[in-house]
């Protein structure tokens, strides 16, 4: 499978899988060589089986506080419609190593994507002492964080992703929505640090989002909270792929930005001559990053389009403020790369549209700091919440093997004495 390994030196395995800081010991009492995750299966497998899966059942209820989570390396996986990104992340949010590959073309089969995830995790675990895996999936994930109910760009429909991956990997697996994972990362390590009521909005092809209050992601009764992009802002407006009309993401997203630019170019509008010349008349080549680049260079139409997207962004944020009253909105996703060309107009529109403006505190609107790696970092950090149970269960298994070793040694000594 082709993938590019990031530059940088990977961390050597620590050998501290039992959580005590001491190296493993063999059943006969000798010190064992520090080795990566793939050797755990050898150490913890029943006698006579070197490939038995470890911890097939891990409690589904996560440890609630990141303050009590073990400071161990974990793997985060960010799965989108076009790429799968995997990285080893330490307890401070630092990426120790990162791999990236394209989402398999044959993604109509859920197993193909699962195979890609497993291969990336095992590749990373050969060089790092990994204790848990977190998956950030672009789709709806149920409240138990086991099944992907629906993924618009993949063939997952009510797919038990956590259970299937747990059967194939020797560490606990946690699954969450990618926007939830990104919001967690920004709250822990990025633009949302210190905030106790945070809303994240991810502007990409569409609009995703997440709500975080008092150190917990609010997922809703069924796990699908935060689908802000499908709030109706224009009754009878543009048709949305979700089936409805007038959804917010039809007016403030990467798709909306490109649609407006292409329509002006197709109409041969005088204001679009700059971008038409840039793409040499090939209107289908117009992309969101191109529009942002031209806007930074001063192209008047591109600046205006980003202002329009930003104003619609501010309208939606004002609606969310009326419903949720957070202290901070963090704007992430690819479109946020436009920075003040987008967020400046959003702040202005927010102030104009906010209910009770002038008589209430206003939430901050800030750009996300972690960029496209936020989902990966957040998924890894969320996985750390379940790593401690794994370490305790691992220690109990090792202790059982040590007791068995002492018992077997005593039996051999007794037989030799006879």
Protein backbone atom coordinates (compact mmCIF):
# COMPACT_ATOMS: atom_id res chain seq x y z
CA UNK A 1 0.00 0.00 0.00
CA UNK A 2 1.59 3.30 -1.00
CA UNK A 3 1.94 5.89 1.68
CA UNK A 4 4.36 8.63 2.58
CA UNK A 5 6.11 8.59 5.91
CA UNK A 6 6.62 11.95 7.53
CA UNK A 7 10.10 13.25 8.12
CA UNK A 8 11.28 13.33 11.69
CA UNK A 9 12.69 10.76 13.99
CA UNK A 10 10.23 8.26 15.47
CA UNK A 11 10.35 7.65 19.18
CA UNK A 12 11.93 4.42 20.32
CA UNK A 13 9.65 1.95 22.12
CA UNK A 14 9.49 2.52 25.84
CA UNK A 15 8.70 -0.97 27.09
CA UNK A 16 6.47 0.48 29.83
CA UNK A 17 3.32 -1.31 28.79
CA UNK A 18 2.26 -2.29 32.28
CA UNK A 19 2.15 1.29 33.50
CA UNK A 20 4.64 0.85 36.34
CA UNK A 21 7.71 2.29 34.62
CA UNK A 22 9.58 -1.02 34.94
CA UNK A 23 10.46 -3.27 32.00
CA UNK A 24 8.68 -6.54 31.45
CA UNK A 25 10.07 -9.62 33.11
CA UNK A 26 9.94 -13.07 31.70
CA UNK A 27 8.13 -15.84 33.57
CA UNK A 28 11.51 -16.94 34.92
CA UNK A 29 12.29 -13.52 36.34
CA UNK A 30 14.77 -12.22 33.72
CA UNK A 31 14.41 -8.81 32.17
CA UNK A 32 12.77 -8.84 28.74
CA UNK A 33 13.95 -6.69 25.88
CA UNK A 34 11.90 -3.53 25.34
CA UNK A 35 9.89 -4.09 22.20
CA UNK A 36 7.01 -2.39 20.32
CA UNK A 37 3.33 -3.11 20.43
CA UNK A 38 3.43 -6.01 18.02
CA UNK A 39 5.34 -8.05 20.61
CA UNK A 40 2.59 -7.63 23.21
CA UNK A 41 0.71 -10.41 21.54
CA UNK A 42 3.64 -12.73 22.16
CA UNK A 43 3.96 -11.75 25.82
CA UNK A 44 0.28 -11.93 26.68
CA UNK A 45 -0.98 -14.77 24.50
CA UNK A 46 -2.01 -18.01 26.19
CA UNK A 47 0.69 -20.68 26.35
CA UNK A 48 0.96 -22.36 22.96
CA UNK A 49 -0.59 -19.46 21.03
CA UNK A 50 1.64 -16.57 19.93
CA UNK A 51 -0.97 -14.70 17.90
CA UNK A 52 -4.00 -14.73 20.18
CA UNK A 53 -5.84 -11.39 20.18
CA UNK A 54 -5.52 -9.29 23.31
CA UNK A 55 -8.39 -7.56 25.06
CA UNK A 56 -11.15 -8.42 22.69
CA UNK A 57 -13.53 -6.77 25.14
CA UNK A 58 -12.78 -3.32 26.45
CA UNK A 59 -15.32 -1.40 28.50
CA UNK A 60 -17.37 0.87 26.24
CA UNK A 61 -17.64 3.57 28.87
CA UNK A 62 -14.68 5.88 28.56
CA UNK A 63 -12.78 7.35 31.49
CA UNK A 64 -14.32 10.79 31.79
CA UNK A 65 -11.40 13.03 32.71
CA UNK A 66 -8.36 13.67 30.56
CA UNK A 67 -6.58 14.65 33.79
CA UNK A 68 -6.57 11.01 34.93
CA UNK A 69 -5.73 9.51 31.55
CA UNK A 70 -2.32 7.79 31.31
CA UNK A 71 0.45 9.77 29.62
CA UNK A 72 1.19 7.16 26.98
CA UNK A 73 1.52 7.31 23.17
CA UNK A 74 -1.62 6.57 21.17
CA UNK A 75 -2.47 6.44 17.48
CA UNK A 76 -5.01 8.80 15.92
CA UNK A 77 -6.66 8.03 12.58
CA UNK A 78 -8.50 10.68 10.55
CA UNK A 79 -10.63 9.13 7.80
CA UNK A 80 -12.04 11.29 5.04
CA UNK A 81 -13.42 10.75 1.58
CA UNK A 82 -10.02 11.26 -0.07
CA UNK A 83 -7.34 10.46 2.54
CA UNK A 84 -6.58 8.40 5.61
CA UNK A 85 -4.08 10.05 7.97
CA UNK A 86 -2.54 8.22 10.91
CA UNK A 87 -0.14 9.47 13.54
CA UNK A 88 1.43 8.59 16.87
CA UNK A 89 0.63 11.37 19.36
CA UNK A 90 2.05 11.85 22.84
CA UNK A 91 0.17 13.12 25.90
CA UNK A 92 1.04 16.76 25.09
CA UNK A 93 -0.44 16.61 21.60
CA UNK A 94 2.91 16.32 19.81
CA UNK A 95 2.95 14.20 16.66
CA UNK A 96 5.83 11.72 16.88
CA UNK A 97 5.30 10.22 13.44
CA UNK A 98 2.66 10.62 10.75
CA UNK A 99 1.60 8.50 7.77
CA UNK A 100 -0.86 9.39 5.05
CA UNK A 101 -2.44 7.41 2.25
CA UNK A 102 -5.28 7.88 -0.17
CA UNK A 103 -8.65 6.48 0.75
CA UNK A 104 -8.93 3.21 -1.20
CA UNK A 105 -10.76 3.52 -4.51
CA UNK A 106 -12.61 0.34 -3.67
CA UNK A 107 -14.11 1.95 -0.58
CA UNK A 108 -17.47 0.47 -1.54
CA UNK A 109 -16.26 -2.42 0.59
CA UNK A 110 -15.95 -1.42 4.29
CA UNK A 111 -13.30 -4.09 4.76
CA UNK A 112 -10.94 -2.37 2.31
CA UNK A 113 -10.87 0.76 4.46
CA UNK A 114 -10.52 -1.34 7.62
CA UNK A 115 -7.55 -3.13 6.05
CA UNK A 116 -5.93 0.24 5.36
CA UNK A 117 -6.41 1.35 8.97
CA UNK A 118 -4.98 -1.89 10.35
CA UNK A 119 -1.95 -1.71 8.09
CA UNK A 120 -1.20 1.89 9.13
CA UNK A 121 -1.55 1.06 12.84
CA UNK A 122 0.68 -2.00 12.62
CA UNK A 123 3.26 -0.03 10.64
CA UNK A 124 3.40 2.65 13.33
CA UNK A 125 3.38 0.11 16.16
CA UNK A 126 6.55 -1.47 14.82
CA UNK A 127 8.41 1.69 15.92
CA UNK A 128 6.30 3.03 18.79
CA UNK A 129 4.90 1.68 22.04
CA UNK A 130 1.22 2.30 21.25
CA UNK A 131 -1.45 1.83 23.94
CA UNK A 132 -4.73 2.68 22.16
CA UNK A 133 -6.13 3.74 18.78
CA UNK A 134 -8.63 6.54 18.17
CA UNK A 135 -10.62 6.83 14.94
CA UNK A 136 -12.08 10.13 13.73
CA UNK A 137 -14.61 9.24 11.02
CA UNK A 138 -16.32 11.65 8.65
CA UNK A 139 -19.83 10.44 9.38
CA UNK A 140 -22.44 9.85 12.03
CA UNK A 141 -21.21 7.73 14.93
CA UNK A 142 -23.65 6.24 17.44
CA UNK A 143 -23.73 7.30 21.09
CA UNK A 144 -21.74 4.21 22.14
CA UNK A 145 -18.97 5.20 19.71
CA UNK A 146 -19.00 1.77 18.13
CA UNK A 147 -20.99 1.99 14.89
CA UNK A 148 -20.64 4.43 12.02
CA UNK A 149 -24.31 4.94 11.23
CA UNK A 150 -23.69 6.78 7.96
CA UNK A 151 -20.64 8.14 6.14
CA UNK A 152 -21.40 10.28 3.07
CA UNK A 153 -18.09 9.56 1.29
CA UNK A 154 -17.64 5.91 2.32
CA UNK A 155 -19.81 2.82 2.20
CA UNK A 156 -20.24 2.58 5.96
CA UNK A 157 -23.89 2.05 6.87
CA UNK A 158 -24.46 0.98 10.48
CA UNK A 159 -20.92 -0.42 10.46
CA UNK A 160 -19.57 -1.81 13.80
CA UNK A 161 -16.17 -0.24 13.19
CA UNK A 162 -14.85 -0.31 16.76
CA UNK A 163 -15.65 -3.97 17.35
CA UNK A 164 -14.20 -5.06 14.03
CA UNK A 165 -10.96 -3.15 14.51
CA UNK A 166 -10.66 -4.30 18.13
CA UNK A 167 -10.77 -7.89 16.90
CA UNK A 168 -7.85 -7.23 14.56
CA UNK A 169 -5.66 -5.01 16.75
CA UNK A 170 -4.16 -5.76 20.14
CA UNK A 171 -5.09 -2.42 21.73
CA UNK A 172 -8.39 -0.72 22.66
CA UNK A 173 -10.12 1.23 19.89
CA UNK A 174 -12.28 4.34 20.25
CA UNK A 175 -14.42 5.72 17.39
CA UNK A 176 -15.84 9.24 17.16
CA UNK A 177 -16.98 11.79 14.61
CA UNK A 178 -14.09 13.68 13.04
CA UNK A 179 -15.46 17.11 14.03
CA UNK A 180 -15.81 15.96 17.64
CA UNK A 181 -12.20 14.81 17.55
CA UNK A 182 -11.04 18.12 16.06
CA UNK A 183 -12.94 20.12 18.68
CA UNK A 184 -11.38 18.04 21.46
CA UNK A 185 -7.91 18.71 20.05
CA UNK A 186 -8.48 22.47 19.83
CA UNK A 187 -9.81 22.51 23.39
CA UNK A 188 -6.90 20.51 24.73
CA UNK A 189 -4.00 21.92 22.70
CA UNK A 190 -5.17 24.68 20.38
CA UNK A 191 -7.35 27.77 20.04
CA UNK A 192 -9.93 26.61 22.61
CA UNK A 193 -7.62 26.10 25.58
CA UNK A 194 -9.13 27.47 28.78
CA UNK A 195 -12.69 27.61 27.40
CA UNK A 196 -15.41 25.71 29.24
CA UNK A 197 -18.15 26.20 26.60
CA UNK A 198 -16.83 25.81 23.07
CA UNK A 199 -18.42 25.28 19.68
CA UNK A 200 -16.29 24.21 16.73
CA UNK A 201 -17.33 24.77 13.12
CA UNK A 202 -15.41 23.00 10.37
CA UNK A 203 -15.68 24.57 6.93
CA UNK A 204 -14.70 22.20 4.18
CA UNK A 205 -16.73 20.69 1.37
CA UNK A 206 -19.68 21.23 3.70
CA UNK A 207 -20.03 22.32 7.33
CA UNK A 208 -19.42 20.07 10.31
CA UNK A 209 -19.40 20.95 13.97
CA UNK A 210 -19.08 19.92 17.57
CA UNK A 211 -20.09 21.11 21.02
CA UNK A 212 -17.84 20.84 24.05
CA UNK A 213 -18.92 21.78 27.57
CA UNK A 214 -17.03 21.38 30.83
CA UNK A 215 -14.50 19.01 29.35
CA UNK A 216 -17.01 16.73 27.61
CA UNK A 217 -18.06 16.44 24.00
CA UNK A 218 -21.83 16.74 23.72
CA UNK A 219 -22.88 14.05 21.29
CA UNK A 220 -26.65 14.05 21.84
CA UNK A 221 -28.94 11.17 22.67
CA UNK A 222 -28.15 9.28 19.47
CA UNK A 223 -24.58 10.50 18.94
CA UNK A 224 -25.22 12.78 15.95
CA UNK A 225 -25.25 16.27 17.51
CA UNK A 226 -23.30 19.03 15.79
CA UNK A 227 -24.61 18.70 12.23
CA UNK A 228 -24.88 22.47 11.99
CA UNK A 229 -24.41 22.54 8.22
CA UNK A 230 -27.96 21.31 7.72
CA UNK A 231 -29.73 24.04 9.64
CA UNK A 232 -32.09 25.77 7.22
CA UNK A 233 -31.15 29.42 6.73
CA UNK A 234 -32.94 30.15 3.41
CA UNK A 235 -36.36 28.51 3.03
CA UNK A 236 -36.66 27.15 -0.50
CA UNK A 237 -33.01 27.97 -1.21
CA UNK A 238 -30.31 25.93 -2.93
CA UNK A 239 -30.85 22.19 -2.98
CA UNK A 240 -28.54 20.36 -0.58
CA UNK A 241 -27.25 16.78 -1.10
CA UNK A 242 -29.01 15.90 2.17
CA UNK A 243 -32.31 16.31 0.27
CA UNK A 244 -33.46 19.58 1.81
CA UNK A 245 -33.25 23.14 0.52
CA UNK A 246 -31.57 26.18 1.99
CA UNK A 247 -29.10 24.42 4.31
CA UNK A 248 -26.42 26.61 5.87
CA UNK A 249 -23.59 24.79 4.12
CA UNK A 250 -25.07 25.75 0.75
CA UNK A 251 -24.13 29.37 1.54
CA UNK A 252 -21.01 29.09 3.67
CA UNK A 253 -18.67 26.27 2.68
CA UNK A 254 -16.03 25.29 0.17
CA UNK A 255 -18.70 24.02 -2.21
CA UNK A 256 -20.61 27.30 -1.99
CA UNK A 257 -17.45 29.30 -2.65
CA UNK A 258 -16.53 27.29 -5.76
CA UNK A 259 -20.12 27.21 -7.04
CA UNK A 260 -20.42 31.00 -6.95
CA UNK A 261 -17.05 31.51 -8.65
CA UNK A 262 -17.84 29.03 -11.42
CA UNK A 263 -21.26 30.55 -12.04
CA UNK A 264 -19.76 34.00 -12.50
CA UNK A 265 -17.04 32.61 -14.75
CA UNK A 266 -19.57 30.63 -16.82
CA UNK A 267 -21.63 33.79 -17.28
CA UNK A 268 -18.49 35.51 -18.58
CA UNK A 269 -18.94 38.21 -15.96
CA UNK A 270 -16.44 41.08 -16.25
CA UNK A 271 -15.61 40.68 -12.54
CA UNK A 272 -14.50 37.10 -13.23
CA UNK A 273 -11.94 37.88 -15.93
CA UNK A 274 -9.04 37.48 -13.50
CA UNK A 275 -9.94 33.95 -12.49
CA UNK A 276 -10.94 32.98 -16.04
CA UNK A 277 -7.50 34.03 -17.22
CA UNK A 278 -5.90 32.18 -14.32
CA UNK A 279 -7.51 28.86 -15.33
CA UNK A 280 -7.08 29.60 -19.07
CA UNK A 281 -10.81 29.31 -19.63
CA UNK A 282 -11.16 25.88 -17.99
CA UNK A 283 -13.89 26.75 -15.49
CA UNK A 284 -13.94 23.25 -13.98
CA UNK A 285 -10.39 23.87 -12.73
CA UNK A 286 -11.55 26.58 -10.30
CA UNK A 287 -11.00 25.40 -6.70
CA UNK A 288 -11.40 26.82 -3.23
CA UNK A 289 -7.65 27.14 -2.49
CA UNK A 290 -7.22 28.92 -5.82
CA UNK A 291 -9.90 31.45 -4.90
CA UNK A 292 -8.22 32.06 -1.54
CA UNK A 293 -4.83 32.51 -3.21
CA UNK A 294 -6.21 35.03 -5.72
CA UNK A 295 -8.03 36.90 -2.95
CA UNK A 296 -4.75 37.29 -1.07
CA UNK A 297 -3.24 38.70 -4.25
CA UNK A 298 -6.02 41.29 -4.41
CA UNK A 299 -8.47 39.84 -6.95
CA UNK A 300 -11.64 41.84 -6.24
CA UNK A 301 -14.13 39.09 -7.14
CA UNK A 302 -12.40 36.48 -4.98
CA UNK A 303 -12.25 38.90 -2.04
CA UNK A 304 -15.96 39.58 -2.47
CA UNK A 305 -16.83 35.88 -2.63
CA UNK A 306 -14.97 35.18 0.62
CA UNK A 307 -16.76 38.13 2.22
CA UNK A 308 -20.10 36.65 1.16
CA UNK A 309 -19.17 33.25 2.59
CA UNK A 310 -17.98 34.95 5.79
CA UNK A 311 -21.21 36.92 6.18
CA UNK A 312 -23.28 33.75 5.90
CA UNK A 313 -20.91 32.15 8.40
CA UNK A 314 -21.64 34.98 10.83
CA UNK A 315 -25.41 34.56 10.39
CA UNK A 316 -25.19 30.87 11.29
CA UNK A 317 -22.92 31.55 14.25
CA UNK A 318 -25.42 34.08 15.59
CA UNK A 319 -28.14 31.42 15.40
CA UNK A 320 -25.92 28.96 17.27
CA UNK A 321 -25.14 31.60 19.91
CA UNK A 322 -28.86 32.09 20.50
CA UNK A 323 -29.33 28.35 20.99
CA UNK A 324 -26.13 27.32 22.79
CA UNK A 325 -24.56 30.50 24.26
CA UNK A 326 -20.92 29.33 24.13
CA UNK A 327 -17.95 31.45 25.16
CA UNK A 328 -15.95 30.69 22.00
CA UNK A 329 -16.45 29.63 18.39
CA UNK A 330 -13.44 27.93 16.79
CA UNK A 331 -13.45 27.97 12.97
CA UNK A 332 -11.53 25.13 11.34
CA UNK A 333 -11.49 23.18 8.09
CA UNK A 334 -9.84 23.93 4.78
CA UNK A 335 -11.79 27.12 4.03
CA UNK A 336 -10.57 28.69 7.29
CA UNK A 337 -7.17 29.06 5.60
CA UNK A 338 -8.56 32.33 4.21
CA UNK A 339 -8.18 33.66 7.78
CA UNK A 340 -9.31 37.31 8.14
CA UNK A 341 -10.62 37.42 4.57
CA UNK A 342 -13.31 35.05 5.88
CA UNK A 343 -13.38 35.45 9.66
CA UNK A 344 -13.39 39.27 9.61
CA UNK A 345 -16.72 39.43 7.70
CA UNK A 346 -18.05 36.60 9.91
CA UNK A 347 -17.36 38.62 13.06
CA UNK A 348 -19.09 41.68 11.57
CA UNK A 349 -22.19 39.71 10.54
CA UNK A 350 -22.27 37.96 13.91
CA UNK A 351 -22.40 41.28 15.75
CA UNK A 352 -25.20 42.54 13.49
CA UNK A 353 -27.30 39.37 13.77
CA UNK A 354 -26.76 38.39 17.43
CA UNK A 355 -29.96 38.31 19.45
CA UNK A 356 -29.82 40.85 22.28
CA UNK A 357 -26.74 42.53 20.78
CA UNK A 358 -25.42 45.30 22.97
CA UNK A 359 -26.95 43.77 26.10
CA UNK A 360 -25.11 40.48 26.41
CA UNK A 361 -21.52 39.21 26.37
CA UNK A 362 -20.32 38.18 22.91
CA UNK A 363 -18.54 34.93 22.22
CA UNK A 364 -15.06 35.04 20.70
CA UNK A 365 -14.68 33.86 17.10
CA UNK A 366 -11.19 32.50 16.45
CA UNK A 367 -9.46 30.45 13.80
CA UNK A 368 -8.39 26.91 14.71
CA UNK A 369 -4.67 26.46 15.39
CA UNK A 370 -4.01 22.80 14.66
CA UNK A 371 -4.92 22.82 10.98
CA UNK A 372 -5.71 19.61 9.09
CA UNK A 373 -4.11 17.46 11.80
CA UNK A 374 -6.66 18.43 14.48
CA UNK A 375 -8.90 15.40 13.88
CA UNK A 376 -5.98 13.00 14.08
CA UNK A 377 -4.58 14.59 17.27
CA UNK A 378 -8.01 14.71 18.90
CA UNK A 379 -8.80 11.08 18.07
CA UNK A 380 -5.48 9.99 19.57
CA UNK A 381 -6.06 12.01 22.73
CA UNK A 382 -9.60 10.70 23.16
CA UNK A 383 -8.24 7.16 22.82
CA UNK A 384 -5.95 7.87 25.78
CA UNK A 385 -9.07 7.89 27.96
CA UNK A 386 -9.46 4.13 27.48
CA UNK A 387 -5.77 3.24 27.56
CA UNK A 388 -5.56 2.82 31.34
CA UNK A 389 -7.97 -0.09 31.41
CA UNK A 390 -5.82 -1.77 28.79
CA UNK A 391 -2.70 -1.25 30.85
CA UNK A 392 -4.30 -2.66 34.00
CA UNK A 393 -5.63 -5.71 32.16
CA UNK A 394 -2.23 -6.12 30.54
CA UNK A 395 -0.50 -6.02 33.93
CA UNK A 396 -2.85 -8.68 35.29
CA UNK A 397 -2.05 -10.93 32.32
CA UNK A 398 1.68 -10.44 32.80
CA UNK A 399 1.35 -11.19 36.51
CA UNK A 400 -0.51 -14.40 35.73
CA UNK A 401 2.28 -15.48 33.43
CA UNK A 402 4.85 -14.65 36.08
CA UNK A 403 2.95 -16.77 38.63
CA UNK A 404 2.72 -19.60 36.13
CA UNK A 405 6.45 -19.31 35.48
CA UNK A 406 7.24 -19.50 39.19
CA UNK A 407 4.91 -22.48 39.58
CA UNK A 408 6.46 -24.28 36.59
CA UNK A 409 9.96 -23.59 37.92
CA UNK A 410 9.00 -24.96 41.33
CA UNK A 411 7.57 -28.12 39.70
CA UNK A 412 10.79 -28.64 37.71
CA UNK A 413 12.90 -28.10 40.84
CA UNK A 414 10.76 -30.60 42.76
CA UNK A 415 11.10 -33.22 40.03
CA UNK A 416 14.89 -32.72 39.88
CA UNK A 417 15.12 -33.13 43.67
CA UNK A 418 13.51 -36.54 43.35
